[in-house]
Amino acid sequence: MALQRRKPEFGGGEMMRSFFLFILIACYFSPAFAEDGNGAPQASLFFTPQEAHEAEVLAQRLAPAGVGDIRLGAVMYYGPDDWTLWLQGEKWTPETSRDDLRVLEVTEDAVRLWWRNEDDATEHEITLRPNESFQIATGKIISEP
C-alpha cells in the first residue's frame, strides 16, 4: 500500500504566503509610509501623520539630544590596559584620545573621562556607564535604554 500525500483543505501554505506578500506590498507602497524631506516617515501603521509629528515634537522636548553630548555606548573590558569602548559612536582603545576628551580609567562597568569644555575652558571629570550620556547643557547624566 502506497502512502499518498494529501493537499491541505484550506489552501495551506500557498494561501498564507500570498497573504503575507500582499501585506508586505501594501505596507511598502502605502502613502502612510511616505517620507518627508528629512527621510523620516510621515506616518506609521499605527499613527496618523499628525500623531507621528506630535510624538516626535514631544520626544525632542523630553530628551533633547545635543550635538555636544558625550555618549558611552558599550564597553568590552579585558583588563586595565586592554579594553575597547564606543564613545560618541566611535571605537576607542587605550591609545585613542582627543584634545578635549580623554579616557582616564575603564572598569568592567564604568568609564571615567576627562572633558574640557571649549566654550568656557572648564575641565570636568565624568563617570559614565554603558548607554549613558552626559548632557553638556544641563550637566546631567541620562540613562538610555
N, C-alpha and C. Protein backbone atom coordinates (compact mmCIF):
# COMPACT_ATOMS: atom_id res chain seq x y z
N MET A 1 0.85 -1.17 0.00
CA MET A 1 0.00 0.00 0.00
C MET A 1 0.90 1.24 0.00
N ALA A 2 0.71 2.11 -0.93
CA ALA A 2 1.50 3.32 -1.05
C ALA A 2 0.81 4.46 -0.31
N LEU A 3 1.60 5.27 0.37
CA LEU A 3 1.04 6.44 1.05
C LEU A 3 0.87 7.57 0.07
N GLN A 4 -0.25 8.22 0.15
CA GLN A 4 -0.50 9.35 -0.72
C GLN A 4 -0.43 10.63 0.11
N ARG A 5 0.12 11.64 -0.50
CA ARG A 5 0.22 12.94 0.18
C ARG A 5 -1.07 13.71 -0.04
N ARG A 6 -1.66 14.16 1.05
CA ARG A 6 -2.91 14.92 0.94
C ARG A 6 -2.63 16.40 0.82
N LYS A 7 -3.40 17.06 0.02
CA LYS A 7 -3.31 18.51 -0.08
C LYS A 7 -4.09 19.13 1.07
N PRO A 8 -3.62 20.27 1.59
CA PRO A 8 -4.38 20.93 2.65
C PRO A 8 -5.76 21.35 2.14
N GLU A 9 -6.73 21.30 3.01
CA GLU A 9 -8.09 21.60 2.61
C GLU A 9 -8.34 23.09 2.40
N PHE A 10 -7.64 23.96 3.11
CA PHE A 10 -7.93 25.38 3.06
C PHE A 10 -6.86 26.18 2.34
N GLY A 11 -6.12 25.61 1.48
CA GLY A 11 -5.11 26.35 0.73
C GLY A 11 -3.75 26.32 1.40
N GLY A 12 -3.68 26.04 2.64
CA GLY A 12 -2.44 25.85 3.38
C GLY A 12 -1.41 26.94 3.20
N GLY A 13 -0.16 26.52 2.98
CA GLY A 13 0.98 27.43 2.93
C GLY A 13 0.91 28.42 1.79
N GLU A 14 0.41 28.00 0.64
CA GLU A 14 0.35 28.91 -0.51
C GLU A 14 -0.53 30.11 -0.22
N MET A 15 -1.65 29.88 0.42
CA MET A 15 -2.56 30.97 0.76
C MET A 15 -1.90 31.93 1.75
N MET A 16 -1.21 31.38 2.75
CA MET A 16 -0.55 32.23 3.74
C MET A 16 0.58 33.04 3.11
N ARG A 17 1.36 32.42 2.23
CA ARG A 17 2.44 33.14 1.55
C ARG A 17 1.87 34.29 0.72
N SER A 18 0.78 34.04 0.04
CA SER A 18 0.14 35.10 -0.76
C SER A 18 -0.35 36.23 0.12
N PHE A 19 -0.94 35.87 1.26
CA PHE A 19 -1.44 36.88 2.18
C PHE A 19 -0.31 37.76 2.72
N PHE A 20 0.79 37.15 3.15
CA PHE A 20 1.92 37.92 3.68
C PHE A 20 2.57 38.76 2.59
N LEU A 21 2.65 38.25 1.38
CA LEU A 21 3.19 39.03 0.27
C LEU A 21 2.31 40.25 0.01
N PHE A 22 0.99 40.07 0.06
CA PHE A 22 0.07 41.19 -0.13
C PHE A 22 0.29 42.25 0.95
N ILE A 23 0.42 41.82 2.21
CA ILE A 23 0.63 42.76 3.32
C ILE A 23 1.93 43.52 3.13
N LEU A 24 3.00 42.82 2.77
CA LEU A 24 4.29 43.49 2.56
C LEU A 24 4.22 44.52 1.45
N ILE A 25 3.59 44.16 0.35
CA ILE A 25 3.47 45.10 -0.77
C ILE A 25 2.61 46.28 -0.38
N ALA A 26 1.50 46.04 0.31
CA ALA A 26 0.61 47.13 0.73
C ALA A 26 1.33 48.10 1.66
N CYS A 27 2.12 47.56 2.60
CA CYS A 27 2.84 48.43 3.53
C CYS A 27 3.95 49.20 2.83
N TYR A 28 4.62 48.56 1.90
CA TYR A 28 5.74 49.20 1.21
C TYR A 28 5.28 50.35 0.32
N PHE A 29 4.16 50.17 -0.36
CA PHE A 29 3.69 51.19 -1.29
C PHE A 29 2.64 52.11 -0.71
N SER A 30 2.30 51.93 0.55
CA SER A 30 1.26 52.74 1.18
C SER A 30 1.73 54.18 1.33
N PRO A 31 0.85 55.16 1.04
CA PRO A 31 1.24 56.56 1.24
C PRO A 31 1.50 56.90 2.70
N ALA A 32 1.00 56.09 3.62
CA ALA A 32 1.25 56.35 5.04
C ALA A 32 2.73 56.22 5.37
N PHE A 33 3.48 55.52 4.53
CA PHE A 33 4.89 55.32 4.80
C PHE A 33 5.76 56.24 3.96
N ALA A 34 5.17 57.23 3.34
CA ALA A 34 5.95 58.17 2.55
C ALA A 34 6.86 58.96 3.47
N GLU A 35 8.00 59.36 2.95
CA GLU A 35 8.97 60.09 3.76
C GLU A 35 8.83 61.58 3.54
N ASP A 36 9.15 62.35 4.58
CA ASP A 36 9.19 63.79 4.41
C ASP A 36 10.55 64.17 3.84
N GLY A 37 10.86 65.43 3.74
CA GLY A 37 12.12 65.88 3.17
C GLY A 37 13.34 65.45 3.95
N ASN A 38 13.20 65.10 5.23
CA ASN A 38 14.33 64.71 6.07
C ASN A 38 14.54 63.21 6.11
N GLY A 39 13.77 62.44 5.35
CA GLY A 39 13.92 61.00 5.34
C GLY A 39 13.15 60.32 6.46
N ALA A 40 12.41 61.05 7.25
CA ALA A 40 11.62 60.45 8.33
C ALA A 40 10.23 60.11 7.81
N PRO A 41 9.66 59.01 8.28
CA PRO A 41 8.32 58.68 7.80
C PRO A 41 7.31 59.71 8.26
N GLN A 42 6.34 60.01 7.40
CA GLN A 42 5.31 60.96 7.75
C GLN A 42 4.30 60.34 8.70
N ALA A 43 4.13 59.05 8.62
CA ALA A 43 3.19 58.35 9.49
C ALA A 43 3.64 56.90 9.60
N SER A 44 2.90 56.14 10.36
CA SER A 44 3.24 54.73 10.50
C SER A 44 1.96 53.92 10.37
N LEU A 45 2.08 52.65 10.57
CA LEU A 45 0.93 51.77 10.51
C LEU A 45 -0.03 52.08 11.66
N PHE A 46 0.49 52.63 12.76
CA PHE A 46 -0.32 52.84 13.95
C PHE A 46 -0.71 54.30 14.18
N PHE A 47 0.00 55.26 13.58
CA PHE A 47 -0.24 56.66 13.86
C PHE A 47 -0.53 57.44 12.58
N THR A 48 -1.37 58.45 12.70
CA THR A 48 -1.61 59.35 11.58
C THR A 48 -0.41 60.28 11.45
N PRO A 49 -0.29 61.00 10.34
CA PRO A 49 0.83 61.93 10.21
C PRO A 49 0.86 62.96 11.34
N GLN A 50 -0.29 63.45 11.77
CA GLN A 50 -0.36 64.44 12.85
C GLN A 50 0.13 63.83 14.17
N GLU A 51 -0.30 62.60 14.47
CA GLU A 51 0.13 61.94 15.71
C GLU A 51 1.63 61.66 15.70
N ALA A 52 2.15 61.24 14.55
CA ALA A 52 3.59 60.98 14.45
C ALA A 52 4.39 62.26 14.67
N HIS A 53 3.90 63.37 14.12
CA HIS A 53 4.58 64.66 14.30
C HIS A 53 4.55 65.08 15.77
N GLU A 54 3.38 64.95 16.41
CA GLU A 54 3.27 65.32 17.83
C GLU A 54 4.18 64.46 18.70
N ALA A 55 4.29 63.18 18.40
CA ALA A 55 5.16 62.30 19.18
C ALA A 55 6.63 62.70 19.02
N GLU A 56 7.02 63.06 17.80
CA GLU A 56 8.41 63.47 17.58
C GLU A 56 8.72 64.78 18.29
N VAL A 57 7.79 65.74 18.27
CA VAL A 57 7.99 67.01 18.97
C VAL A 57 8.11 66.76 20.47
N LEU A 58 7.26 65.91 21.01
CA LEU A 58 7.31 65.59 22.43
C LEU A 58 8.62 64.90 22.80
N ALA A 59 9.08 63.97 21.98
CA ALA A 59 10.33 63.27 22.26
C ALA A 59 11.51 64.23 22.25
N GLN A 60 11.50 65.19 21.35
CA GLN A 60 12.60 66.16 21.30
C GLN A 60 12.58 67.05 22.54
N ARG A 61 11.39 67.38 23.05
CA ARG A 61 11.29 68.22 24.24
C ARG A 61 11.72 67.46 25.50
N LEU A 62 11.36 66.18 25.59
CA LEU A 62 11.66 65.40 26.79
C LEU A 62 13.13 65.03 26.89
N ALA A 63 13.75 64.65 25.79
CA ALA A 63 15.14 64.23 25.82
C ALA A 63 15.91 64.90 24.69
N PRO A 64 16.27 66.16 24.88
CA PRO A 64 16.99 66.83 23.81
C PRO A 64 18.35 66.19 23.58
N ALA A 65 18.62 65.84 22.36
CA ALA A 65 19.91 65.25 22.02
C ALA A 65 20.81 66.33 21.48
N GLY A 66 21.61 66.89 22.35
CA GLY A 66 22.50 67.95 21.94
C GLY A 66 23.65 67.42 21.11
N VAL A 67 24.14 68.24 20.23
CA VAL A 67 25.24 67.83 19.38
C VAL A 67 26.48 67.53 20.20
N GLY A 68 26.68 68.27 21.28
CA GLY A 68 27.89 68.10 22.07
C GLY A 68 27.76 67.13 23.22
N ASP A 69 26.64 66.43 23.37
CA ASP A 69 26.50 65.48 24.47
C ASP A 69 27.53 64.37 24.33
N ILE A 70 28.00 63.86 25.45
CA ILE A 70 29.00 62.80 25.46
C ILE A 70 28.28 61.49 25.78
N ARG A 71 28.32 60.55 24.84
CA ARG A 71 27.57 59.30 24.99
C ARG A 71 28.52 58.11 24.99
N LEU A 72 28.32 57.23 25.98
CA LEU A 72 29.07 55.97 26.05
C LEU A 72 28.13 54.86 25.62
N GLY A 73 28.52 54.15 24.56
CA GLY A 73 27.70 53.04 24.07
C GLY A 73 27.99 51.77 24.83
N ALA A 74 29.01 51.03 24.43
CA ALA A 74 29.32 49.74 25.04
C ALA A 74 30.77 49.73 25.50
N VAL A 75 31.06 48.82 26.43
CA VAL A 75 32.42 48.64 26.94
C VAL A 75 32.76 47.16 26.88
N MET A 76 33.91 46.86 26.29
CA MET A 76 34.46 45.50 26.31
C MET A 76 35.73 45.58 27.13
N TYR A 77 35.71 45.05 28.34
CA TYR A 77 36.80 45.18 29.29
C TYR A 77 37.51 43.84 29.47
N TYR A 78 38.82 43.84 29.21
CA TYR A 78 39.64 42.64 29.41
C TYR A 78 40.68 42.86 30.51
N GLY A 79 40.96 44.12 30.82
CA GLY A 79 41.93 44.47 31.84
C GLY A 79 42.16 45.97 31.82
N PRO A 80 42.92 46.51 32.79
CA PRO A 80 43.11 47.96 32.87
C PRO A 80 43.72 48.59 31.62
N ASP A 81 44.54 47.84 30.90
CA ASP A 81 45.16 48.37 29.68
C ASP A 81 44.71 47.64 28.42
N ASP A 82 43.64 46.86 28.52
CA ASP A 82 43.13 46.10 27.39
C ASP A 82 41.61 46.19 27.37
N TRP A 83 41.10 47.17 26.67
CA TRP A 83 39.67 47.41 26.59
C TRP A 83 39.34 48.09 25.26
N THR A 84 38.07 48.03 24.92
CA THR A 84 37.53 48.74 23.76
C THR A 84 36.19 49.31 24.20
N LEU A 85 35.92 50.53 23.80
CA LEU A 85 34.63 51.12 24.10
C LEU A 85 34.17 51.97 22.93
N TRP A 86 32.88 52.24 22.92
CA TRP A 86 32.29 53.08 21.88
C TRP A 86 31.82 54.37 22.53
N LEU A 87 32.53 55.43 22.21
CA LEU A 87 32.29 56.75 22.78
C LEU A 87 31.99 57.68 21.62
N GLN A 88 30.86 58.37 21.72
CA GLN A 88 30.44 59.27 20.64
C GLN A 88 30.24 58.49 19.33
N GLY A 89 29.91 57.22 19.43
CA GLY A 89 29.69 56.40 18.23
C GLY A 89 30.97 55.94 17.56
N GLU A 90 32.11 56.20 18.17
CA GLU A 90 33.39 55.80 17.59
C GLU A 90 34.07 54.78 18.51
N LYS A 91 34.84 53.90 17.89
CA LYS A 91 35.58 52.89 18.65
C LYS A 91 36.82 53.53 19.28
N TRP A 92 36.98 53.36 20.59
CA TRP A 92 38.13 53.87 21.33
C TRP A 92 38.89 52.71 21.94
N THR A 93 40.20 52.81 21.95
CA THR A 93 41.10 51.84 22.60
C THR A 93 41.99 52.64 23.55
N PRO A 94 42.89 51.99 24.32
CA PRO A 94 43.76 52.74 25.23
C PRO A 94 44.63 53.79 24.53
N GLU A 95 44.86 53.66 23.26
CA GLU A 95 45.69 54.63 22.53
C GLU A 95 44.90 55.82 22.00
N THR A 96 43.58 55.79 22.06
CA THR A 96 42.75 56.84 21.49
C THR A 96 42.57 57.99 22.47
N SER A 97 42.67 59.22 21.96
CA SER A 97 42.35 60.41 22.77
C SER A 97 42.08 61.57 21.83
N ARG A 98 41.49 62.59 22.38
CA ARG A 98 41.28 63.85 21.64
C ARG A 98 41.77 64.97 22.53
N ASP A 99 41.90 66.15 21.96
CA ASP A 99 42.35 67.30 22.75
C ASP A 99 41.36 67.66 23.85
N ASP A 100 40.07 67.48 23.59
CA ASP A 100 39.06 67.89 24.55
C ASP A 100 38.44 66.73 25.33
N LEU A 101 38.80 65.47 25.01
CA LEU A 101 38.19 64.32 25.66
C LEU A 101 39.20 63.19 25.78
N ARG A 102 39.36 62.67 27.02
CA ARG A 102 40.30 61.59 27.27
C ARG A 102 39.68 60.56 28.21
N VAL A 103 40.06 59.32 28.03
CA VAL A 103 39.63 58.26 28.94
C VAL A 103 40.67 58.16 30.05
N LEU A 104 40.23 58.33 31.29
CA LEU A 104 41.13 58.26 32.43
C LEU A 104 41.22 56.85 33.01
N GLU A 105 40.07 56.18 33.09
CA GLU A 105 40.05 54.85 33.69
C GLU A 105 38.85 54.07 33.15
N VAL A 106 39.06 52.79 32.91
CA VAL A 106 37.99 51.91 32.46
C VAL A 106 37.90 50.73 33.42
N THR A 107 36.71 50.44 33.89
CA THR A 107 36.45 49.24 34.70
C THR A 107 35.42 48.41 33.95
N GLU A 108 35.03 47.30 34.56
CA GLU A 108 34.08 46.41 33.91
C GLU A 108 32.73 47.07 33.64
N ASP A 109 32.34 48.02 34.48
CA ASP A 109 31.01 48.60 34.33
C ASP A 109 30.96 50.12 34.27
N ALA A 110 32.10 50.79 34.17
CA ALA A 110 32.08 52.26 34.12
C ALA A 110 33.34 52.78 33.45
N VAL A 111 33.24 54.00 32.96
CA VAL A 111 34.36 54.68 32.32
C VAL A 111 34.47 56.08 32.93
N ARG A 112 35.66 56.43 33.38
CA ARG A 112 35.91 57.77 33.92
C ARG A 112 36.61 58.57 32.83
N LEU A 113 36.02 59.73 32.52
CA LEU A 113 36.50 60.57 31.42
C LEU A 113 36.95 61.93 31.92
N TRP A 114 37.86 62.54 31.18
CA TRP A 114 38.23 63.93 31.37
C TRP A 114 37.73 64.67 30.14
N TRP A 115 37.02 65.77 30.38
CA TRP A 115 36.47 66.55 29.28
C TRP A 115 36.70 68.03 29.53
N ARG A 116 37.14 68.74 28.52
CA ARG A 116 37.34 70.19 28.60
C ARG A 116 36.30 70.86 27.73
N ASN A 117 35.51 71.73 28.35
CA ASN A 117 34.51 72.49 27.63
C ASN A 117 35.21 73.61 26.88
N GLU A 118 35.15 73.56 25.57
CA GLU A 118 35.85 74.55 24.76
C GLU A 118 35.18 75.93 24.80
N ASP A 119 33.90 75.97 25.21
CA ASP A 119 33.21 77.26 25.29
C ASP A 119 33.75 78.13 26.43
N ASP A 120 33.92 77.51 27.61
CA ASP A 120 34.38 78.32 28.76
C ASP A 120 35.69 77.80 29.36
N ALA A 121 36.34 76.83 28.71
CA ALA A 121 37.64 76.28 29.11
C ALA A 121 37.62 75.61 30.48
N THR A 122 36.45 75.19 30.96
CA THR A 122 36.39 74.45 32.22
C THR A 122 36.68 72.97 31.96
N GLU A 123 37.27 72.32 32.96
CA GLU A 123 37.58 70.90 32.86
C GLU A 123 36.69 70.11 33.80
N HIS A 124 36.27 68.92 33.34
CA HIS A 124 35.34 68.10 34.12
C HIS A 124 35.79 66.66 34.10
N GLU A 125 35.53 65.95 35.20
CA GLU A 125 35.68 64.50 35.23
C GLU A 125 34.28 63.93 35.27
N ILE A 126 34.01 62.99 34.37
CA ILE A 126 32.68 62.41 34.22
C ILE A 126 32.82 60.90 34.30
N THR A 127 31.93 60.26 35.03
CA THR A 127 31.89 58.80 35.05
C THR A 127 30.59 58.36 34.39
N LEU A 128 30.72 57.55 33.34
CA LEU A 128 29.56 57.05 32.60
C LEU A 128 29.56 55.53 32.62
N ARG A 129 28.37 54.98 32.61
CA ARG A 129 28.17 53.55 32.44
C ARG A 129 27.66 53.32 31.02
N PRO A 130 27.73 52.10 30.51
CA PRO A 130 27.23 51.87 29.15
C PRO A 130 25.79 52.37 28.97
N ASN A 131 25.55 52.96 27.83
CA ASN A 131 24.25 53.54 27.45
C ASN A 131 23.85 54.73 28.31
N GLU A 132 24.83 55.48 28.75
CA GLU A 132 24.57 56.74 29.45
C GLU A 132 25.18 57.88 28.64
N SER A 133 24.56 59.06 28.80
CA SER A 133 25.07 60.26 28.15
C SER A 133 25.20 61.37 29.17
N PHE A 134 26.21 62.19 28.99
CA PHE A 134 26.38 63.40 29.80
C PHE A 134 25.85 64.56 28.97
N GLN A 135 24.79 65.20 29.46
CA GLN A 135 24.22 66.35 28.75
C GLN A 135 25.02 67.59 29.13
N ILE A 136 25.70 68.13 28.15
CA ILE A 136 26.56 69.29 28.39
C ILE A 136 25.73 70.49 28.82
N ALA A 137 24.60 70.70 28.22
CA ALA A 137 23.76 71.87 28.52
C ALA A 137 23.27 71.87 29.96
N THR A 138 22.93 70.68 30.51
CA THR A 138 22.37 70.62 31.86
C THR A 138 23.35 70.10 32.89
N GLY A 139 24.43 69.42 32.45
CA GLY A 139 25.36 68.82 33.38
C GLY A 139 24.84 67.54 34.01
N LYS A 140 23.79 66.96 33.44
CA LYS A 140 23.18 65.75 33.98
C LYS A 140 23.59 64.52 33.18
N ILE A 141 23.59 63.38 33.88
CA ILE A 141 23.83 62.11 33.22
C ILE A 141 22.48 61.45 32.98
N ILE A 142 22.25 61.08 31.73
CA ILE A 142 20.98 60.50 31.31
C ILE A 142 21.20 59.05 30.93
N SER A 143 20.39 58.15 31.50
CA SER A 143 20.46 56.73 31.16
C SER A 143 19.54 56.48 29.98
N GLU A 144 20.02 55.74 29.00
CA GLU A 144 19.25 55.45 27.79
C GLU A 144 18.97 53.96 27.72
N PRO A 145 17.84 53.58 27.13
CA PRO A 145 17.53 52.14 27.03
C PRO A 145 18.44 51.44 26.06
